[in-house]
């Protein structure tokens, strides 16, 4: 699968860096392009809110690692829809943090 998804919010760009199938389900790596001056605060705030995700300071922002499974035949979301939801959820949360002086 070779695609890139970009979401642009006030000052944070979210990109899908890698999506791959694993024995346990799917592994997703996102890049959040967050300015250096707020990076550590953003990581702490995001880690408190999204406890199932892993956040790490990277060379160009914040790396986000997410693992998920779609195993039940009645689950109606595709892998791409799950990724889009994760990106939108992170972007919206970051946008709200910025809007209320959180970042």
Protein backbone atom coordinates (compact mmCIF):
# COMPACT_ATOMS: atom_id res chain seq x y z
CA UNK A 1 0.00 0.00 0.00
CA UNK A 2 1.60 3.24 -1.09
CA UNK A 3 -0.27 6.41 -0.17
CA UNK A 4 0.08 9.58 1.84
CA UNK A 5 -2.64 11.38 3.72
CA UNK A 6 -2.23 14.96 4.84
CA UNK A 7 -4.39 16.88 7.28
CA UNK A 8 -3.57 20.55 7.74
CA UNK A 9 -4.73 22.31 10.86
CA UNK A 10 -3.55 25.60 12.29
CA UNK A 11 0.09 24.76 12.79
CA UNK A 12 0.29 20.98 12.80
CA UNK A 13 0.63 18.78 9.74
CA UNK A 14 -0.28 15.09 10.18
CA UNK A 15 1.10 12.61 7.65
CA UNK A 16 0.76 8.86 7.37
CA UNK A 17 4.36 7.65 7.33
CA UNK A 18 3.77 3.90 7.21
CA UNK A 19 0.93 1.42 7.35
CA UNK A 20 1.75 -2.27 7.37
CA UNK A 21 0.09 -5.56 8.15
CA UNK A 22 1.46 -7.40 11.17
CA UNK A 23 0.65 -10.81 12.66
CA UNK A 24 -1.46 -9.03 15.31
CA UNK A 25 -3.32 -6.71 12.90
CA UNK A 26 -2.06 -3.38 11.55
CA UNK A 27 0.78 -1.07 12.53
CA UNK A 28 0.48 2.62 11.71
CA UNK A 29 3.17 5.27 12.03
CA UNK A 30 2.18 8.92 11.76
CA UNK A 31 4.29 12.07 11.73
CA UNK A 32 3.03 15.18 13.48
CA UNK A 33 4.94 18.23 12.32
CA UNK A 34 4.87 20.19 15.56
CA UNK A 35 7.14 23.20 16.13
CA UNK A 36 10.16 22.52 18.34
CA UNK A 37 9.13 25.03 20.99
CA UNK A 38 5.93 23.14 21.87
CA UNK A 39 6.97 19.58 21.01
CA UNK A 40 7.56 18.24 24.54
CA UNK A 41 4.37 19.78 25.91
CA UNK A 42 2.43 18.38 22.96
CA UNK A 43 3.84 14.87 23.52
CA UNK A 44 2.84 14.95 27.20
CA UNK A 45 -0.65 16.25 26.46
CA UNK A 46 -1.26 13.79 23.62
CA UNK A 47 0.07 10.83 25.64
CA UNK A 48 -2.35 11.70 28.47
CA UNK A 49 -5.33 11.79 26.10
CA UNK A 50 -4.45 8.91 23.73
CA UNK A 51 -3.15 6.23 26.09
CA UNK A 52 -3.27 3.45 23.46
CA UNK A 53 -0.89 5.34 21.15
CA UNK A 54 2.87 5.81 21.58
CA UNK A 55 4.40 9.27 21.03
CA UNK A 56 8.10 9.96 20.47
CA UNK A 57 10.07 13.07 19.61
CA UNK A 58 11.42 12.62 16.11
CA UNK A 59 13.83 14.65 13.99
CA UNK A 60 11.00 16.50 12.22
CA UNK A 61 8.27 16.52 14.85
CA UNK A 62 6.47 13.79 16.74
CA UNK A 63 6.22 10.14 15.70
CA UNK A 64 3.00 8.37 16.63
CA UNK A 65 2.76 4.58 16.69
CA UNK A 66 -0.66 2.93 16.67
CA UNK A 67 -1.56 -0.76 16.46
CA UNK A 68 -5.08 -1.88 15.67
CA UNK A 69 -6.98 -4.95 14.53
CA UNK A 70 -9.93 -5.48 12.27
CA UNK A 71 -10.74 -9.11 12.92
CA UNK A 72 -14.48 -9.48 13.13
CA UNK A 73 -16.36 -10.05 9.86
CA UNK A 74 -19.15 -7.70 10.93
CA UNK A 75 -16.82 -4.74 11.48
CA UNK A 76 -17.76 -2.36 8.72
CA UNK A 77 -14.76 -0.01 8.69
CA UNK A 78 -11.97 -0.59 6.23
CA UNK A 79 -8.32 -0.18 7.19
CA UNK A 80 -8.20 3.13 5.32
CA UNK A 81 -11.27 4.40 7.17
CA UNK A 82 -9.68 3.50 10.53
CA UNK A 83 -6.51 5.38 9.55
CA UNK A 84 -8.55 8.41 8.42
CA UNK A 85 -10.43 8.38 11.74
CA UNK A 86 -7.19 8.25 13.75
CA UNK A 87 -5.68 11.13 11.75
CA UNK A 88 -8.85 13.21 12.09
CA UNK A 89 -9.12 12.50 15.82
CA UNK A 90 -5.52 13.56 16.48
CA UNK A 91 -5.84 16.62 14.24
CA UNK A 92 -9.06 17.76 15.89
CA UNK A 93 -7.63 17.31 19.39
CA UNK A 94 -4.49 19.27 18.49
CA UNK A 95 -6.59 21.99 16.87
CA UNK A 96 -8.69 22.31 20.04
CA UNK A 97 -5.56 22.43 22.20
CA UNK A 98 -4.24 25.29 20.08
CA UNK A 99 -7.55 27.14 20.13
CA UNK A 100 -7.70 27.10 23.93
CA UNK A 101 -4.09 28.01 24.55
CA UNK A 102 -3.10 24.42 25.22
CA UNK A 103 -0.27 24.52 22.70
